[in-house]
């Protein structure tokens, strides 16, 4: 399954990256890797997580 990031989510991620880059480039890389891994897992297991019904 494909994960679609809406424009506001992409903008949020850009802002997070800019914030972390200014303070700790290594932390920025670590966070980016964790987010990518989470999105990959979500694409592979779309029903993972909380059921909000």
PDB file of N, CA and C in Angstrom:
ATOM      1  N   UNK A   1       0.852  -1.171   0.000  1.00  0.00           N
ATOM      2  CA  UNK A   1       0.000   0.000   0.000  1.00  0.00           C
ATOM      3  C   UNK A   1       0.900   1.237   0.000  1.00  0.00           C
ATOM      4  N   UNK A   2       0.412   2.291  -0.576  1.00  0.00           N
ATOM      5  CA  UNK A   2       1.151   3.540  -0.671  1.00  0.00           C
ATOM      6  C   UNK A   2       0.659   4.527   0.386  1.00  0.00           C
ATOM      7  N   UNK A   3       1.584   5.218   1.015  1.00  0.00           N
ATOM      8  CA  UNK A   3       1.238   6.246   1.992  1.00  0.00           C
ATOM      9  C   UNK A   3       1.285   7.594   1.279  1.00  0.00           C
ATOM     10  N   UNK A   4       0.222   8.343   1.394  1.00  0.00           N
ATOM     11  CA  UNK A   4       0.131   9.653   0.769  1.00  0.00           C
ATOM     12  C   UNK A   4       0.264  10.727   1.846  1.00  0.00           C
ATOM     13  N   UNK A   5       1.256  11.590   1.670  1.00  0.00           N
ATOM     14  CA  UNK A   5       1.416  12.718   2.586  1.00  0.00           C
ATOM     15  C   UNK A   5       0.755  13.940   1.957  1.00  0.00           C
ATOM     16  N   UNK A   6      -0.159  14.529   2.671  1.00  0.00           N
ATOM     17  CA  UNK A   6      -0.826  15.723   2.187  1.00  0.00           C
ATOM     18  C   UNK A   6       0.132  16.908   2.237  1.00  0.00           C
ATOM     19  N   UNK A   7      -0.144  17.948   1.452  1.00  0.00           N
ATOM     20  CA  UNK A   7       0.772  19.093   1.401  1.00  0.00           C
ATOM     21  C   UNK A   7       1.096  19.698   2.773  1.00  0.00           C
ATOM     22  N   UNK A   8       0.099  19.796   3.652  1.00  0.00           N
ATOM     23  CA  UNK A   8       0.388  20.375   4.973  1.00  0.00           C
ATOM     24  C   UNK A   8       1.295  19.468   5.798  1.00  0.00           C
ATOM     25  N   UNK A   9       1.200  18.154   5.588  1.00  0.00           N
ATOM     26  CA  UNK A   9       2.083  17.226   6.303  1.00  0.00           C
ATOM     27  C   UNK A   9       3.511  17.350   5.780  1.00  0.00           C
ATOM     28  N   UNK A  10       3.651  17.478   4.463  1.00  0.00           N
ATOM     29  CA  UNK A  10       4.986  17.679   3.879  1.00  0.00           C
ATOM     30  C   UNK A  10       5.616  18.977   4.407  1.00  0.00           C
ATOM     31  N   UNK A  11       4.811  20.020   4.509  1.00  0.00           N
ATOM     32  CA  UNK A  11       5.306  21.293   5.024  1.00  0.00           C
ATOM     33  C   UNK A  11       5.730  21.151   6.489  1.00  0.00           C
ATOM     34  N   UNK A  12       4.945  20.444   7.278  1.00  0.00           N
ATOM     35  CA  UNK A  12       5.316  20.194   8.677  1.00  0.00           C
ATOM     36  C   UNK A  12       6.660  19.476   8.762  1.00  0.00           C
ATOM     37  N   UNK A  13       6.855  18.476   7.916  1.00  0.00           N
ATOM     38  CA  UNK A  13       8.117  17.725   7.933  1.00  0.00           C
ATOM     39  C   UNK A  13       9.293  18.615   7.531  1.00  0.00           C
ATOM     40  N   UNK A  14       9.088  19.503   6.565  1.00  0.00           N
ATOM     41  CA  UNK A  14      10.141  20.447   6.176  1.00  0.00           C
ATOM     42  C   UNK A  14      10.492  21.365   7.335  1.00  0.00           C
ATOM     43  N   UNK A  15       9.479  21.829   8.063  1.00  0.00           N
ATOM     44  CA  UNK A  15       9.718  22.719   9.205  1.00  0.00           C
ATOM     45  C   UNK A  15      10.448  21.990  10.332  1.00  0.00           C
ATOM     46  N   UNK A  16      10.071  20.760  10.573  1.00  0.00           N
ATOM     47  CA  UNK A  16      10.755  19.953  11.596  1.00  0.00           C
ATOM     48  C   UNK A  16      12.216  19.776  11.217  1.00  0.00           C
ATOM     49  N   UNK A  17      12.462  19.447   9.950  1.00  0.00           N
ATOM     50  CA  UNK A  17      13.835  19.254   9.481  1.00  0.00           C
ATOM     51  C   UNK A  17      14.654  20.532   9.638  1.00  0.00           C
ATOM     52  N   UNK A  18      14.099  21.667   9.239  1.00  0.00           N
ATOM     53  CA  UNK A  18      14.820  22.934   9.357  1.00  0.00           C
ATOM     54  C   UNK A  18      15.143  23.252  10.816  1.00  0.00           C
ATOM     55  N   UNK A  19      14.184  23.015  11.689  1.00  0.00           N
ATOM     56  CA  UNK A  19      14.379  23.266  13.124  1.00  0.00           C
ATOM     57  C   UNK A  19      15.515  22.401  13.664  1.00  0.00           C
ATOM     58  N   UNK A  20      15.470  21.112  13.340  1.00  0.00           N
ATOM     59  CA  UNK A  20      16.500  20.204  13.857  1.00  0.00           C
ATOM     60  C   UNK A  20      17.853  20.438  13.201  1.00  0.00           C
ATOM     61  N   UNK A  21      17.873  20.740  11.900  1.00  0.00           N
ATOM     62  CA  UNK A  21      19.140  21.014  11.216  1.00  0.00           C
ATOM     63  C   UNK A  21      19.897  22.151  11.882  1.00  0.00           C
ATOM     64  N   UNK A  22      19.166  23.172  12.314  1.00  0.00           N
ATOM     65  CA  UNK A  22      19.801  24.331  12.943  1.00  0.00           C
ATOM     66  C   UNK A  22      20.384  24.001  14.311  1.00  0.00           C
ATOM     67  N   UNK A  23      19.838  23.003  14.964  1.00  0.00           N
ATOM     68  CA  UNK A  23      20.266  22.676  16.319  1.00  0.00           C
ATOM     69  C   UNK A  23      21.187  21.465  16.387  1.00  0.00           C
ATOM     70  N   UNK A  24      20.893  20.457  15.564  1.00  0.00           N
ATOM     71  CA  UNK A  24      21.695  19.234  15.576  1.00  0.00           C
ATOM     72  C   UNK A  24      21.486  18.472  14.271  1.00  0.00           C
ATOM     73  N   UNK A  25      22.388  18.643  13.320  1.00  0.00           N
ATOM     74  CA  UNK A  25      22.246  17.935  12.051  1.00  0.00           C
ATOM     75  C   UNK A  25      22.138  16.414  12.210  1.00  0.00           C
ATOM     76  N   UNK A  26      22.863  15.874  13.159  1.00  0.00           N
ATOM     77  CA  UNK A  26      22.791  14.423  13.360  1.00  0.00           C
ATOM     78  C   UNK A  26      21.420  14.007  13.884  1.00  0.00           C
ATOM     79  N   UNK A  27      20.861  14.781  14.792  1.00  0.00           N
ATOM     80  CA  UNK A  27      19.511  14.486  15.281  1.00  0.00           C
ATOM     81  C   UNK A  27      18.508  14.588  14.143  1.00  0.00           C
ATOM     82  N   UNK A  28      18.707  15.557  13.264  1.00  0.00           N
ATOM     83  CA  UNK A  28      17.818  15.711  12.112  1.00  0.00           C
ATOM     84  C   UNK A  28      17.856  14.461  11.239  1.00  0.00           C
ATOM     85  N   UNK A  29      19.043  13.941  10.992  1.00  0.00           N
ATOM     86  CA  UNK A  29      19.184  12.709  10.195  1.00  0.00           C
ATOM     87  C   UNK A  29      18.519  11.529  10.893  1.00  0.00           C
ATOM     88  N   UNK A  30      18.699  11.449  12.207  1.00  0.00           N
ATOM     89  CA  UNK A  30      18.103  10.341  12.968  1.00  0.00           C
ATOM     90  C   UNK A  30      16.576  10.391  12.920  1.00  0.00           C
ATOM     91  N   UNK A  31      16.029  11.575  13.104  1.00  0.00           N
ATOM     92  CA  UNK A  31      14.569  11.736  13.080  1.00  0.00           C
ATOM     93  C   UNK A  31      14.037  11.418  11.687  1.00  0.00           C
ATOM     94  N   UNK A  32      14.719  11.908  10.655  1.00  0.00           N
ATOM     95  CA  UNK A  32      14.285  11.626   9.282  1.00  0.00           C
ATOM     96  C   UNK A  32      14.277  10.128   9.013  1.00  0.00           C
ATOM     97  N   UNK A  33      15.299   9.425   9.474  1.00  0.00           N
ATOM     98  CA  UNK A  33      15.366   7.972   9.286  1.00  0.00           C
ATOM     99  C   UNK A  33      14.224   7.269  10.016  1.00  0.00           C
ATOM    100  N   UNK A  34      13.918   7.724  11.222  1.00  0.00           N
ATOM    101  CA  UNK A  34      12.815   7.110  11.982  1.00  0.00           C
ATOM    102  C   UNK A  34      11.473   7.363  11.321  1.00  0.00           C
ATOM    103  N   UNK A  35      11.266   8.574  10.805  1.00  0.00           N
ATOM    104  CA  UNK A  35      10.010   8.893  10.124  1.00  0.00           C
ATOM    105  C   UNK A  35       9.878   8.045   8.862  1.00  0.00           C
ATOM    106  N   UNK A  36      10.947   7.939   8.075  1.00  0.00           N
ATOM    107  CA  UNK A  36      10.917   7.121   6.860  1.00  0.00           C
ATOM    108  C   UNK A  36      10.619   5.666   7.194  1.00  0.00           C
ATOM    109  N   UNK A  37      11.242   5.154   8.235  1.00  0.00           N
ATOM    110  CA  UNK A  37      11.001   3.769   8.646  1.00  0.00           C
ATOM    111  C   UNK A  37       9.543   3.578   9.078  1.00  0.00           C
ATOM    112  N   UNK A  38       9.007   4.551   9.791  1.00  0.00           N
ATOM    113  CA  UNK A  38       7.608   4.467  10.232  1.00  0.00           C
ATOM    114  C   UNK A  38       6.646   4.499   9.052  1.00  0.00           C
ATOM    115  N   UNK A  39       6.929   5.353   8.069  1.00  0.00           N
ATOM    116  CA  UNK A  39       6.077   5.419   6.883  1.00  0.00           C
ATOM    117  C   UNK A  39       6.159   4.131   6.074  1.00  0.00           C
ATOM    118  N   UNK A  40       7.348   3.548   5.988  1.00  0.00           N
ATOM    119  CA  UNK A  40       7.507   2.279   5.284  1.00  0.00           C
ATOM    120  C   UNK A  40       6.712   1.183   5.988  1.00  0.00           C
ATOM    121  N   UNK A  41       6.815   1.125   7.309  1.00  0.00           N
ATOM    122  CA  UNK A  41       6.067   0.141   8.075  1.00  0.00           C
ATOM    123  C   UNK A  41       4.565   0.336   7.891  1.00  0.00           C
ATOM    124  N   UNK A  42       4.120   1.571   7.913  1.00  0.00           N
ATOM    125  CA  UNK A  42       2.706   1.863   7.713  1.00  0.00           C
ATOM    126  C   UNK A  42       2.242   1.416   6.329  1.00  0.00           C
ATOM    127  N   UNK A  43       3.086   1.590   5.325  1.00  0.00           N
ATOM    128  CA  UNK A  43       2.712   1.160   3.976  1.00  0.00           C
ATOM    129  C   UNK A  43       2.621  -0.359   3.885  1.00  0.00           C
ATOM    130  N   UNK A  44       3.427  -1.046   4.674  1.00  0.00           N
ATOM    131  CA  UNK A  44       3.427  -2.516   4.662  1.00  0.00           C
ATOM    132  C   UNK A  44       2.347  -3.103   5.564  1.00  0.00           C
ATOM    133  N   UNK A  45       1.973  -2.374   6.597  1.00  0.00           N
ATOM    134  CA  UNK A  45       0.998  -2.842   7.585  1.00  0.00           C
ATOM    135  C   UNK A  45      -0.031  -1.732   7.827  1.00  0.00           C
ATOM    136  N   UNK A  46      -0.922  -1.483   6.867  1.00  0.00           N
ATOM    137  CA  UNK A  46      -1.813  -0.326   6.970  1.00  0.00           C
ATOM    138  C   UNK A  46      -2.784  -0.353   8.150  1.00  0.00           C
ATOM    139  N   UNK A  47      -3.013  -1.509   8.733  1.00  0.00           N
ATOM    140  CA  UNK A  47      -3.944  -1.582   9.872  1.00  0.00           C
ATOM    141  C   UNK A  47      -3.231  -1.550  11.215  1.00  0.00           C
ATOM    142  N   UNK A  48      -1.946  -1.265  11.176  1.00  0.00           N
ATOM    143  CA  UNK A  48      -1.163  -1.152  12.391  1.00  0.00           C
ATOM    144  C   UNK A  48      -1.546   0.115  13.139  1.00  0.00           C
ATOM    145  N   UNK A  49      -1.642   0.047  14.431  1.00  0.00           N
ATOM    146  CA  UNK A  49      -1.936   1.253  15.208  1.00  0.00           C
ATOM    147  C   UNK A  49      -3.319   1.209  15.840  1.00  0.00           C
ATOM    148  N   UNK A  50      -3.767   2.365  16.260  1.00  0.00           N
ATOM    149  CA  UNK A  50      -5.032   2.493  16.960  1.00  0.00           C
ATOM    150  C   UNK A  50      -6.214   2.432  16.019  1.00  0.00           C
ATOM    151  N   UNK A  51      -7.275   1.820  16.491  1.00  0.00           N
ATOM    152  CA  UNK A  51      -8.541   1.825  15.767  1.00  0.00           C
ATOM    153  C   UNK A  51      -9.398   2.911  16.401  1.00  0.00           C
ATOM    154  N   UNK A  52      -9.724   3.929  15.632  1.00  0.00           N
ATOM    155  CA  UNK A  52     -10.455   5.079  16.165  1.00  0.00           C
ATOM    156  C   UNK A  52     -11.955   4.964  15.986  1.00  0.00           C
ATOM    157  N   UNK A  53     -12.456   3.786  15.728  1.00  0.00           N
ATOM    158  CA  UNK A  53     -13.910   3.610  15.549  1.00  0.00           C
ATOM    159  C   UNK A  53     -14.607   3.491  16.869  1.00  0.00           C
TER     160      UNK A  53
END
